[in-house]
Structure formats: structure tokens, C-alpha cells
N, C-alpha and C. Protein backbone atom coordinates (compact mmCIF):
# COMPACT_ATOMS: atom_id res chain seq x y z
N MET A 1 -7.01 -21.22 -18.93
CA MET A 1 -7.20 -23.01 -18.22
C MET A 1 -5.52 -23.16 -17.26
N SER A 2 -4.92 -22.49 -18.04
CA SER A 2 -3.15 -22.58 -17.56
C SER A 2 -3.27 -22.24 -15.97
N TYR A 3 -4.10 -20.77 -15.68
CA TYR A 3 -4.00 -20.62 -14.18
C TYR A 3 -4.71 -21.58 -13.35
N LEU A 4 -5.69 -22.39 -13.75
CA LEU A 4 -6.78 -23.05 -12.98
C LEU A 4 -5.66 -24.33 -12.67
N ARG A 5 -4.98 -24.92 -13.59
CA ARG A 5 -3.54 -25.73 -13.34
C ARG A 5 -3.03 -24.96 -12.04
N THR A 6 -2.49 -24.00 -12.65
CA THR A 6 -1.30 -23.79 -11.50
C THR A 6 -1.82 -23.25 -10.31
N PHE A 7 -2.83 -23.07 -9.96
CA PHE A 7 -3.23 -23.09 -8.81
C PHE A 7 -4.01 -24.15 -8.35
N LEU A 8 -4.44 -25.20 -8.78
CA LEU A 8 -4.89 -26.51 -8.28
C LEU A 8 -4.37 -26.87 -6.94
N PRO A 9 -3.71 -27.03 -6.69
CA PRO A 9 -3.14 -27.09 -5.39
C PRO A 9 -3.77 -26.40 -4.13
N TRP A 10 -3.72 -25.15 -4.68
CA TRP A 10 -4.30 -24.34 -3.77
C TRP A 10 -5.88 -24.36 -3.58
N ILE A 11 -6.51 -24.38 -4.44
CA ILE A 11 -8.13 -24.64 -4.59
C ILE A 11 -8.48 -25.77 -3.96
N ILE A 12 -7.66 -27.02 -4.37
CA ILE A 12 -7.72 -28.05 -3.22
C ILE A 12 -7.61 -27.96 -1.93
N PHE A 13 -6.81 -27.21 -1.40
CA PHE A 13 -6.44 -27.08 0.31
C PHE A 13 -7.62 -26.37 0.36
N ALA A 14 -7.94 -25.48 0.19
CA ALA A 14 -9.35 -24.38 0.39
C ALA A 14 -10.70 -25.08 0.35
N VAL A 15 -10.90 -25.91 -0.44
CA VAL A 15 -12.20 -26.40 -0.30
C VAL A 15 -11.98 -27.84 0.28
N LEU A 16 -11.06 -28.56 0.99
CA LEU A 16 -11.26 -29.74 1.12
C LEU A 16 -11.45 -29.40 2.83
N PRO A 17 -12.08 -30.12 4.05
CA PRO A 17 -12.55 -29.50 4.71
C PRO A 17 -11.20 -29.01 6.15
N SER A 18 -11.78 -27.97 6.36
CA SER A 18 -10.25 -27.63 7.57
C SER A 18 -10.18 -28.60 8.81
N GLY A 19 -11.07 -29.30 9.02
CA GLY A 19 -10.78 -30.04 10.42
C GLY A 19 -9.83 -31.29 9.74
N GLN A 20 -9.59 -31.55 8.42
CA GLN A 20 -8.50 -32.59 8.10
C GLN A 20 -7.66 -31.64 7.50
N TRP A 21 -7.16 -30.42 8.06
CA TRP A 21 -5.90 -29.90 7.31
C TRP A 21 -4.98 -30.45 6.82
N GLN A 22 -4.17 -31.41 7.78
CA GLN A 22 -3.36 -32.46 7.60
C GLN A 22 -3.50 -33.07 5.96
N TRP A 23 -4.18 -33.82 5.85
CA TRP A 23 -4.80 -34.16 4.74
C TRP A 23 -5.11 -33.54 3.47
N ALA A 24 -5.63 -32.36 3.88
CA ALA A 24 -5.88 -31.20 2.92
C ALA A 24 -4.27 -30.77 2.19
N ALA A 25 -3.71 -30.74 3.27
CA ALA A 25 -2.14 -30.02 2.65
C ALA A 25 -1.05 -31.32 2.12
N LEU A 26 -1.69 -32.66 2.40
CA LEU A 26 -1.04 -33.42 1.54
C LEU A 26 -1.60 -33.72 0.30
N ALA A 27 -3.12 -33.71 0.33
CA ALA A 27 -3.39 -33.70 -0.90
C ALA A 27 -2.74 -32.29 -1.93
N ALA A 28 -2.53 -31.47 -1.43
CA ALA A 28 -2.33 -30.18 -2.16
C ALA A 28 -0.88 -30.31 -2.48
N LEU A 29 -0.10 -31.21 -1.62
CA LEU A 29 1.00 -31.46 -2.10
C LEU A 29 1.26 -32.39 -3.00
N VAL A 30 0.65 -33.29 -3.01
CA VAL A 30 0.58 -34.79 -4.26
C VAL A 30 0.05 -34.32 -5.28
N VAL A 31 -0.82 -33.01 -5.59
CA VAL A 31 -1.15 -32.46 -6.60
C VAL A 31 0.01 -31.37 -7.27
N ALA A 32 0.37 -30.70 -6.28
CA ALA A 32 1.54 -29.51 -6.97
C ALA A 32 2.47 -30.42 -7.48
N VAL A 33 2.88 -31.63 -6.95
CA VAL A 33 4.09 -32.61 -7.19
C VAL A 33 3.35 -33.22 -9.02
N ALA A 34 2.31 -33.66 -8.89
CA ALA A 34 1.72 -34.23 -10.22
C ALA A 34 1.71 -33.26 -11.24
N VAL A 35 1.21 -32.10 -10.95
CA VAL A 35 1.29 -30.85 -11.65
C VAL A 35 2.89 -30.51 -12.29
N ILE A 36 3.49 -30.67 -11.59
CA ILE A 36 4.86 -30.19 -11.71
C ILE A 36 5.86 -31.37 -12.97
N VAL A 37 5.56 -32.75 -12.34
CA VAL A 37 5.47 -33.79 -13.20
C VAL A 37 5.18 -33.68 -14.54
N ARG A 38 3.95 -33.55 -14.69
CA ARG A 38 3.29 -33.49 -16.29
C ARG A 38 3.37 -32.68 -16.74
N GLN A 39 4.00 -31.38 -16.46
CA GLN A 39 4.03 -30.20 -16.85
C GLN A 39 5.84 -30.25 -17.73
N ARG A 40 6.42 -30.98 -16.89
CA ARG A 40 8.27 -30.94 -17.11
C ARG A 40 8.20 -31.93 -18.39
N ARG A 41 7.14 -33.27 -17.90
CA ARG A 41 7.25 -34.20 -19.42
C ARG A 41 6.55 -33.66 -20.73
N ALA A 42 5.80 -32.39 -20.35
CA ALA A 42 5.16 -32.21 -21.54
C ALA A 42 6.17 -31.11 -22.01
N GLY A 43 7.37 -30.91 -21.21
CA GLY A 43 8.53 -29.93 -21.93
C GLY A 43 8.37 -28.30 -21.57
N ALA A 44 7.66 -28.38 -20.26
CA ALA A 44 7.47 -26.76 -19.64
C ALA A 44 8.87 -26.50 -18.71
N GLY A 45 9.15 -25.42 -18.92
CA GLY A 45 10.84 -25.28 -18.12
C GLY A 45 10.11 -25.00 -16.90
N PHE A 46 11.08 -24.60 -15.94
CA PHE A 46 11.04 -24.30 -14.51
C PHE A 46 10.63 -22.89 -14.26
N ASP A 47 10.70 -22.20 -15.51
CA ASP A 47 10.16 -20.79 -15.78
C ASP A 47 8.79 -20.83 -15.63
N ALA A 48 8.36 -21.65 -16.17
CA ALA A 48 6.85 -21.79 -16.40
C ALA A 48 6.04 -22.61 -15.12
N LEU A 49 6.83 -22.75 -14.17
CA LEU A 49 6.50 -23.75 -12.72
C LEU A 49 6.92 -23.01 -11.70
N ILE A 50 6.87 -21.83 -11.69
CA ILE A 50 7.82 -20.76 -10.40
C ILE A 50 6.42 -21.05 -9.35
N ILE A 51 5.03 -21.18 -9.42
CA ILE A 51 4.24 -20.86 -8.76
C ILE A 51 3.92 -22.20 -8.32
N GLU A 52 3.84 -23.32 -9.20
CA GLU A 52 4.09 -24.93 -8.79
C GLU A 52 5.19 -25.31 -7.77
N THR A 53 6.43 -24.81 -8.18
CA THR A 53 7.31 -25.41 -7.36
C THR A 53 7.03 -24.56 -5.79
N GLY A 54 6.86 -23.26 -5.97
CA GLY A 54 6.74 -22.60 -4.52
C GLY A 54 5.77 -23.54 -4.02
N SER A 55 4.54 -24.05 -4.18
CA SER A 55 3.55 -24.46 -4.04
C SER A 55 3.72 -25.64 -3.42
N ALA A 56 4.79 -26.41 -3.91
CA ALA A 56 4.93 -28.00 -3.39
C ALA A 56 6.12 -27.59 -2.04
N ALA A 57 6.82 -26.40 -2.09
CA ALA A 57 7.85 -26.43 -1.14
C ALA A 57 6.50 -26.13 -0.13
N PHE A 58 5.58 -25.06 -0.27
CA PHE A 58 4.85 -25.00 0.95
C PHE A 58 4.07 -26.10 1.62
N PHE A 59 3.39 -26.60 0.87
CA PHE A 59 2.87 -27.66 1.12
C PHE A 59 3.06 -28.79 1.93
N ALA A 60 4.75 -29.27 1.47
CA ALA A 60 5.52 -30.03 2.33
C ALA A 60 5.81 -29.49 3.26
N VAL A 61 5.97 -27.99 3.95
CA VAL A 61 6.08 -28.01 4.83
C VAL A 61 4.93 -27.63 5.70
N LEU A 62 3.88 -27.09 5.25
CA LEU A 62 2.75 -27.19 5.84
C LEU A 62 2.15 -29.09 6.65
N ALA A 63 2.50 -30.09 5.15
CA ALA A 63 2.01 -31.06 5.79
C ALA A 63 2.66 -31.65 7.25
N VAL A 64 3.83 -31.46 6.95
CA VAL A 64 4.62 -31.66 7.95
C VAL A 64 4.36 -31.26 9.31
N ILE A 65 4.23 -29.80 9.31
CA ILE A 65 3.47 -29.42 10.86
C ILE A 65 2.15 -29.71 10.77
N ALA A 66 1.32 -29.87 10.18
CA ALA A 66 0.01 -30.46 10.49
C ALA A 66 -0.23 -31.75 10.89
N PHE A 67 0.88 -32.58 10.33
CA PHE A 67 1.03 -34.31 10.78
C PHE A 67 1.34 -34.44 11.80
N THR A 68 2.74 -33.59 12.07
CA THR A 68 3.46 -33.15 13.41
C THR A 68 2.21 -33.03 14.95
N ASP A 69 1.64 -31.59 14.28
CA ASP A 69 0.69 -31.31 15.55
C ASP A 69 -0.47 -30.95 14.99
N PRO A 70 -1.56 -31.75 14.73
CA PRO A 70 -2.66 -31.34 13.75
C PRO A 70 -3.35 -30.15 14.85
N HIS A 71 -3.08 -30.16 15.84
CA HIS A 71 -3.68 -28.98 16.92
C HIS A 71 -3.21 -27.32 16.67
N SER A 72 -1.99 -27.21 16.22
CA SER A 72 -0.70 -26.01 15.76
C SER A 72 -1.90 -25.14 15.71
N PRO A 73 -1.23 -24.05 16.14
CA PRO A 73 -2.13 -23.03 15.91
C PRO A 73 -1.68 -22.01 14.38
N VAL A 74 -0.74 -23.01 13.67
CA VAL A 74 -0.69 -22.61 12.42
C VAL A 74 -1.78 -22.98 11.48
N HIS A 75 -2.64 -24.24 12.08
CA HIS A 75 -3.75 -24.25 11.42
C HIS A 75 -4.51 -22.47 11.40
N ASP A 76 -4.77 -22.15 12.23
CA ASP A 76 -5.79 -21.07 12.06
C ASP A 76 -5.00 -19.93 10.77
N TYR A 77 -4.11 -20.02 11.00
CA TYR A 77 -3.06 -18.92 9.89
C TYR A 77 -3.03 -19.40 8.55
N SER A 78 -2.91 -20.77 8.25
CA SER A 78 -2.52 -21.38 7.23
C SER A 78 -3.02 -20.73 5.77
N ALA A 79 -4.29 -20.58 5.94
CA ALA A 79 -4.80 -20.02 4.55
C ALA A 79 -3.99 -18.18 4.38
N ALA A 80 -3.78 -17.74 5.53
CA ALA A 80 -3.38 -16.34 5.60
C ALA A 80 -1.93 -16.57 4.82
N ALA A 81 -1.34 -17.88 5.52
CA ALA A 81 0.21 -18.04 5.23
C ALA A 81 -0.13 -18.61 3.75
N SER A 82 -0.73 -19.20 3.40
CA SER A 82 -1.03 -20.05 1.91
C SER A 82 -0.63 -18.30 0.61
N SER A 83 -1.84 -17.55 0.96
CA SER A 83 -2.05 -16.45 0.34
C SER A 83 -0.47 -15.41 0.79
N GLY A 84 0.09 -15.71 1.65
CA GLY A 84 1.15 -14.64 1.97
C GLY A 84 2.40 -15.37 1.24
N THR A 85 2.29 -16.37 1.16
CA THR A 85 3.54 -17.35 0.31
C THR A 85 3.00 -17.24 -1.28
N LEU A 86 2.10 -17.28 -1.65
CA LEU A 86 2.18 -16.96 -3.07
C LEU A 86 2.78 -15.59 -3.34
N ALA A 87 2.59 -14.52 -2.44
CA ALA A 87 2.61 -12.98 -2.60
C ALA A 87 4.02 -12.96 -2.72
N VAL A 88 4.67 -13.70 -1.73
CA VAL A 88 6.49 -13.60 -1.57
C VAL A 88 6.72 -14.87 -2.68
N VAL A 89 6.40 -15.78 -3.48
CA VAL A 89 6.74 -16.36 -4.77
C VAL A 89 6.72 -15.35 -5.88
N ALA A 90 5.38 -14.81 -5.77
CA ALA A 90 5.29 -13.66 -7.22
C ALA A 90 5.57 -12.66 -7.10
N GLY A 91 6.03 -12.22 -5.93
CA GLY A 91 7.04 -10.94 -5.24
C GLY A 91 8.59 -11.14 -5.73
N VAL A 92 8.86 -12.27 -5.86
CA VAL A 92 10.35 -13.04 -5.75
C VAL A 92 10.52 -12.99 -7.26
N SER A 93 9.55 -13.59 -8.18
CA SER A 93 9.63 -13.67 -9.51
C SER A 93 9.69 -12.12 -10.19
N LEU A 94 9.06 -11.23 -9.70
CA LEU A 94 9.38 -9.96 -10.06
C LEU A 94 10.31 -9.60 -10.02
N ALA A 95 11.24 -9.68 -8.61
CA ALA A 95 12.21 -8.74 -8.44
C ALA A 95 13.40 -9.72 -9.25
N ILE A 96 13.37 -11.01 -9.55
CA ILE A 96 14.56 -11.35 -10.34
C ILE A 96 14.33 -11.44 -11.59
N GLY A 97 13.51 -10.51 -12.08
CA GLY A 97 13.06 -10.44 -13.52
C GLY A 97 12.03 -11.54 -14.31
N LYS A 98 11.86 -12.22 -13.48
CA LYS A 98 11.14 -13.44 -14.12
C LYS A 98 9.47 -13.51 -13.52
N PRO A 99 8.87 -12.55 -14.05
CA PRO A 99 7.40 -12.79 -13.61
C PRO A 99 6.86 -14.13 -13.73
N PHE A 100 6.40 -14.61 -12.76
CA PHE A 100 5.63 -15.83 -13.19
C PHE A 100 4.33 -15.95 -14.23
N THR A 101 3.68 -15.03 -14.85
CA THR A 101 3.17 -15.15 -15.57
C THR A 101 3.59 -15.23 -17.00
N LEU A 102 4.78 -14.74 -16.90
CA LEU A 102 5.65 -14.66 -18.28
C LEU A 102 5.80 -16.51 -18.67
N GLY A 103 6.25 -17.38 -17.76
CA GLY A 103 6.32 -18.53 -18.23
C GLY A 103 4.56 -19.16 -18.52
N ILE A 104 3.51 -18.69 -18.09
CA ILE A 104 2.86 -19.67 -18.31
C ILE A 104 1.90 -18.80 -19.46
N ALA A 105 2.41 -17.40 -19.94
CA ALA A 105 1.77 -16.75 -21.26
C ALA A 105 2.71 -17.78 -22.27
N LYS A 106 3.76 -17.98 -22.20
CA LYS A 106 4.70 -18.52 -23.26
C LYS A 106 3.89 -19.97 -23.86
N ARG A 107 3.21 -20.22 -22.82
CA ARG A 107 2.36 -21.43 -23.46
C ARG A 107 1.49 -21.49 -24.60
N THR A 108 0.86 -20.29 -24.71
CA THR A 108 -0.34 -19.73 -25.64
C THR A 108 0.13 -18.55 -26.48
N THR A 109 1.46 -18.10 -26.51
CA THR A 109 1.72 -16.82 -27.16
C THR A 109 3.06 -17.92 -28.07
N PRO A 110 3.09 -16.90 -29.39
CA PRO A 110 4.05 -17.39 -30.51
C PRO A 110 5.43 -17.22 -29.71
N ARG A 111 6.30 -17.89 -30.25
CA ARG A 111 7.70 -17.57 -29.61
C ARG A 111 8.24 -16.50 -29.99
N GLU A 112 8.11 -15.60 -31.06
CA GLU A 112 8.46 -14.62 -31.97
C GLU A 112 8.10 -13.51 -30.75
N LEU A 113 7.28 -13.50 -30.47
CA LEU A 113 6.48 -12.21 -29.41
C LEU A 113 7.22 -12.31 -27.91
N TRP A 114 7.68 -13.46 -27.51
CA TRP A 114 8.34 -13.75 -25.83
C TRP A 114 9.64 -12.58 -25.79
N GLY A 115 10.44 -12.27 -26.41
CA GLY A 115 11.25 -11.15 -26.24
C GLY A 115 10.83 -9.96 -26.28
N LEU A 116 9.82 -9.60 -27.04
CA LEU A 116 9.36 -8.24 -27.18
C LEU A 116 8.92 -7.50 -25.88
N ARG A 117 9.40 -6.44 -25.76
CA ARG A 117 9.16 -5.33 -24.49
C ARG A 117 7.70 -5.69 -24.06
N PRO A 118 6.51 -5.45 -25.15
CA PRO A 118 5.09 -5.17 -24.91
C PRO A 118 4.70 -6.65 -24.08
N PHE A 119 5.32 -7.64 -24.69
CA PHE A 119 5.01 -8.84 -23.99
C PHE A 119 5.54 -9.09 -22.54
N ILE A 120 6.68 -9.08 -22.42
CA ILE A 120 7.48 -8.85 -21.03
C ILE A 120 6.66 -7.78 -19.90
N ARG A 121 6.46 -6.58 -20.60
CA ARG A 121 5.75 -5.62 -19.98
C ARG A 121 4.09 -6.04 -19.33
N THR A 122 3.69 -6.65 -20.32
CA THR A 122 2.24 -7.24 -19.74
C THR A 122 2.42 -7.92 -19.00
N ASN A 123 3.29 -8.84 -18.95
CA ASN A 123 3.56 -9.95 -17.80
C ASN A 123 3.87 -9.36 -16.57
N VAL A 124 4.82 -8.40 -16.57
CA VAL A 124 5.36 -7.70 -15.07
C VAL A 124 3.70 -7.17 -14.69
N VAL A 125 3.13 -6.49 -15.24
CA VAL A 125 1.91 -5.75 -14.71
C VAL A 125 0.94 -7.04 -14.35
N ILE A 126 0.88 -7.73 -14.98
CA ILE A 126 -0.25 -9.19 -14.37
C ILE A 126 0.35 -9.63 -13.52
N THR A 127 1.82 -10.14 -13.27
CA THR A 127 2.15 -10.71 -12.25
C THR A 127 2.46 -9.66 -10.93
N ALA A 128 2.12 -8.55 -11.15
CA ALA A 128 2.15 -7.13 -9.91
C ALA A 128 1.08 -7.01 -9.41
N VAL A 129 -0.22 -7.55 -10.41
CA VAL A 129 -1.26 -7.38 -9.82
C VAL A 129 -1.57 -8.60 -8.90
N TRP A 130 -1.32 -9.78 -9.73
CA TRP A 130 -1.12 -11.24 -8.56
C TRP A 130 -0.72 -11.11 -7.48
N THR A 131 0.45 -10.44 -7.52
CA THR A 131 1.08 -10.43 -6.13
C THR A 131 0.63 -9.30 -4.91
N ALA A 132 0.08 -8.34 -5.61
CA ALA A 132 -0.81 -7.26 -4.57
C ALA A 132 -2.11 -7.77 -4.32
N ALA A 133 -2.48 -8.72 -5.07
CA ALA A 133 -3.57 -9.24 -4.67
C ALA A 133 -3.64 -10.76 -3.45
N PHE A 134 -2.38 -11.05 -3.88
CA PHE A 134 -2.24 -11.95 -2.77
C PHE A 134 -1.81 -11.64 -1.20
N ALA A 135 -0.83 -10.56 -1.39
CA ALA A 135 -0.38 -9.89 -0.27
C ALA A 135 -1.70 -9.42 0.59
N LEU A 136 -2.54 -8.82 -0.36
CA LEU A 136 -3.93 -8.24 0.57
C LEU A 136 -4.60 -9.40 0.97
N THR A 137 -4.83 -10.07 0.31
CA THR A 137 -5.92 -11.35 0.68
C THR A 137 -4.75 -12.15 2.06
N ALA A 138 -3.65 -12.18 2.02
CA ALA A 138 -3.10 -12.70 2.83
C ALA A 138 -3.12 -11.58 4.06
N VAL A 139 -3.38 -10.76 4.30
CA VAL A 139 -3.21 -9.56 5.52
C VAL A 139 -4.77 -9.43 5.71
N VAL A 140 -5.49 -9.65 4.74
CA VAL A 140 -7.00 -9.79 5.46
C VAL A 140 -7.29 -11.13 6.16
N LEU A 141 -6.81 -12.23 5.46
CA LEU A 141 -6.96 -13.43 6.07
C LEU A 141 -6.38 -13.68 7.51
N ALA A 142 -5.52 -12.80 7.35
CA ALA A 142 -4.42 -12.86 9.10
C ALA A 142 -5.54 -12.21 10.03
N VAL A 143 -6.00 -10.93 9.68
CA VAL A 143 -6.86 -10.44 10.45
C VAL A 143 -8.51 -11.26 11.03
N VAL A 144 -8.72 -11.80 9.61
CA VAL A 144 -10.04 -12.51 10.08
C VAL A 144 -9.88 -13.53 11.16
N ALA A 145 -8.57 -14.40 10.81
CA ALA A 145 -8.07 -15.51 11.68
C ALA A 145 -7.90 -14.81 13.10
N HIS A 146 -7.39 -13.74 13.32
CA HIS A 146 -6.98 -13.41 14.49
C HIS A 146 -8.61 -12.86 15.10
N ALA A 147 -9.22 -12.66 14.61
CA ALA A 147 -10.65 -12.31 15.13
C ALA A 147 -11.30 -13.72 15.54
N GLY A 148 -11.21 -15.00 15.20
CA GLY A 148 -11.50 -16.01 15.63
C GLY A 148 -12.44 -16.66 14.62
N ASN A 149 -12.30 -16.15 12.96
CA ASN A 149 -12.97 -16.37 12.14
C ASN A 149 -12.16 -17.44 11.08
N ALA A 150 -11.22 -17.44 11.00
CA ALA A 150 -10.43 -18.53 10.21
C ALA A 150 -11.06 -19.70 9.35
N HIS A 151 -11.64 -20.15 9.82
CA HIS A 151 -11.93 -21.01 9.02
C HIS A 151 -13.88 -21.02 8.51
N SER A 152 -14.29 -19.96 8.14
CA SER A 152 -15.45 -19.11 8.35
C SER A 152 -16.00 -19.03 6.71
N THR A 153 -16.96 -18.96 6.61
CA THR A 153 -17.55 -18.59 5.16
C THR A 153 -17.10 -17.17 4.64
N THR A 154 -17.01 -15.97 5.55
CA THR A 154 -16.00 -14.80 5.09
C THR A 154 -14.76 -15.09 4.91
N ALA A 155 -13.75 -15.94 5.44
CA ALA A 155 -12.56 -16.46 5.05
C ALA A 155 -12.76 -16.90 3.43
N THR A 156 -13.47 -18.01 3.37
CA THR A 156 -13.41 -18.89 2.34
C THR A 156 -14.02 -17.84 1.24
N LEU A 157 -14.59 -16.52 1.12
CA LEU A 157 -15.12 -15.59 0.16
C LEU A 157 -13.95 -14.80 -0.01
N ILE A 158 -13.11 -14.47 1.01
CA ILE A 158 -11.86 -13.36 0.93
C ILE A 158 -10.71 -14.50 -0.28
N GLN A 159 -10.76 -15.60 0.21
CA GLN A 159 -9.81 -16.46 -0.58
C GLN A 159 -10.38 -16.46 -1.73
N VAL A 160 -11.24 -17.12 -1.77
CA VAL A 160 -12.37 -17.05 -3.56
C VAL A 160 -11.86 -15.56 -4.75
N ALA A 161 -11.98 -14.55 -3.42
CA ALA A 161 -12.06 -13.15 -4.23
C ALA A 161 -10.49 -13.08 -4.55
N GLY A 162 -9.60 -13.22 -3.54
CA GLY A 162 -7.87 -13.29 -3.86
C GLY A 162 -7.50 -13.91 -5.21
N PHE A 163 -8.74 -14.71 -5.71
CA PHE A 163 -8.10 -15.45 -6.64
C PHE A 163 -9.11 -14.98 -8.30
N VAL A 164 -9.85 -14.96 -7.93
CA VAL A 164 -11.28 -14.13 -9.06
C VAL A 164 -10.35 -12.97 -9.55
N ILE A 165 -10.56 -11.98 -8.44
CA ILE A 165 -10.15 -10.47 -9.17
C ILE A 165 -9.27 -10.73 -9.84
N PRO A 166 -7.97 -11.11 -9.39
CA PRO A 166 -6.58 -10.92 -10.49
C PRO A 166 -6.71 -11.85 -11.64
N MET A 167 -7.42 -12.74 -11.72
CA MET A 167 -7.86 -13.51 -12.98
C MET A 167 -8.59 -12.90 -13.87
N VAL A 168 -9.77 -12.27 -13.18
CA VAL A 168 -10.53 -11.52 -14.12
C VAL A 168 -9.74 -10.05 -14.72
N PHE A 169 -9.12 -9.48 -14.05
CA PHE A 169 -8.13 -8.81 -14.53
C PHE A 169 -7.12 -9.00 -15.62
N THR A 170 -6.43 -10.26 -15.03
CA THR A 170 -5.71 -10.82 -16.46
C THR A 170 -6.36 -10.78 -17.78
N VAL A 171 -7.50 -11.59 -17.54
CA VAL A 171 -8.56 -11.87 -18.77
C VAL A 171 -8.59 -10.40 -19.58
N ARG A 172 -9.23 -9.61 -18.81
CA ARG A 172 -9.37 -8.19 -19.54
C ARG A 172 -8.23 -7.23 -20.03
N TYR A 173 -7.09 -7.36 -19.34
CA TYR A 173 -5.90 -6.82 -19.56
C TYR A 173 -5.14 -6.89 -20.52
N VAL A 174 -5.27 -8.23 -20.86
CA VAL A 174 -4.50 -9.31 -21.76
C VAL A 174 -5.37 -8.98 -23.15
N ALA A 175 -6.82 -9.15 -22.98
CA ALA A 175 -7.68 -8.37 -24.24
C ALA A 175 -7.42 -6.95 -24.67
N ALA A 176 -7.46 -6.13 -23.46
CA ALA A 176 -7.23 -4.88 -23.83
C ALA A 176 -5.82 -5.03 -24.43
N VAL A 177 -4.69 -5.14 -24.12
CA VAL A 177 -3.31 -5.13 -24.88
C VAL A 177 -3.27 -5.84 -26.15
N GLN A 178 -4.06 -6.76 -26.28
CA GLN A 178 -3.82 -7.32 -27.66
C GLN A 178 -5.06 -6.34 -28.75
N ALA A 179 -6.25 -5.88 -28.10
CA ALA A 179 -7.01 -4.87 -29.00
C ALA A 179 -6.10 -3.59 -29.51
N LYS A 180 -5.43 -3.49 -28.41
CA LYS A 180 -4.30 -2.16 -28.52
C LYS A 180 -3.24 -2.63 -29.38
N ALA A 181 -2.93 -3.66 -29.13
CA ALA A 181 -1.85 -3.98 -30.61
C ALA A 181 -2.46 -4.32 -31.72
N GLY A 182 -3.75 -4.76 -31.96
CA GLY A 182 -4.13 -5.02 -33.48
C GLY A 182 -4.83 -3.58 -33.86
N ALA A 183 -4.99 -2.86 -33.06
CA ALA A 183 -5.60 -1.39 -33.48
C ALA A 183 -4.15 -0.68 -34.18
N GLY A 184 -3.05 -0.69 -33.53
CA GLY A 184 -1.83 -0.20 -33.95
C GLY A 184 -1.25 -1.14 -35.14
N ALA A 185 -1.66 -2.32 -35.44
CA ALA A 185 -0.99 -2.96 -36.28
C ALA A 185 -1.80 -2.60 -37.91
N ALA A 186 -2.97 -2.21 -37.57
CA ALA A 186 -4.35 -1.81 -38.51
C ALA A 186 -3.77 -0.45 -39.60
């Protein structure tokens, strides 16, 4: 459920009508800020809110562009830009040694495991997969937009796949790591 909350602004932006992209960007911004405020009040540190913070920044900029010029060419590439932004945020989190999934995983993992190499390594792998999925999604969406199909069913399916595939990987990879750890402890 943590991943759903993390990506809720992006989901909202993706499902609202593209003809009203300025309102979709504003709605996503409001949701991103609300998620950050709610999670901070619940005690989450900014290390657990890396994607949320990047989301708020992205949607703030996008909303300004969209309201300033609703016919901006940025509109056609907004889905690619959103995936590209997620790739950059996730990639930077890896580069600075704070994979964005680490903060999310800490919400459901006992504190005594947080500093262990397998826990950290698992999150590096998972974050790398999300980063690659976001980057690939951004490239494919840019190609689709360039071909004039930015707001097509194909583009929507690509966006959905860009989230579902790494989410399924995450669930399966964590289960495999836990099973391996359980087998080693027995």
C-alpha cells in the first residue's frame, strides 16, 4: 500500500482527462503536498518521502506551465517528462546512497534490520529496477508523443506498465529475499 500512496499524485495525473492537464497537474500537486504533510505528521522522515518531494516539485512546475499556456507543447510530452522526472529522482536517490525504496521499506521492516547489508542491497536492487522502468517508460512515451499519439490508449498502457512491472518485481523480489533469508536461518 505504501507504493500506491507514494505514486498517488502520478496516478491522479495519469487518469484525469488530458484536455484538462492544468487541473490534473494542480490536483496531483495538491495530493503530493497532502501526502507529504500526512506522512510527516505520522513521523515519516524525508528519507521516506523522496519520491513524494520530487512529485510535489514536478507538479508545481508543470502546473505553472499548464496554467500559463494551456496549449504549450509541453502537454504532449508531459507523460514522458513525468516518467523522466521519476527516473531522475530515483536515480539520484541511488547515486547519493539513499535509494528511495529504503524509506518505504523501513515503514514495514523492524528497525534492527535497517542497517544490515542484505536489507540495503535489496533496496538498491529494487530502486535500480524502478529507475530503469521509469527511464525506459520515459523514452517510449517520448517516442509515442513524437509520433503524435501522446494522449492515446497506447500511451496510457505504457504508463500503466511502467508502474505495474516494477511493482510486481518488487513484491516477488522481496518475497524471494525473505524466503532465502528464512531458509538460511532454518
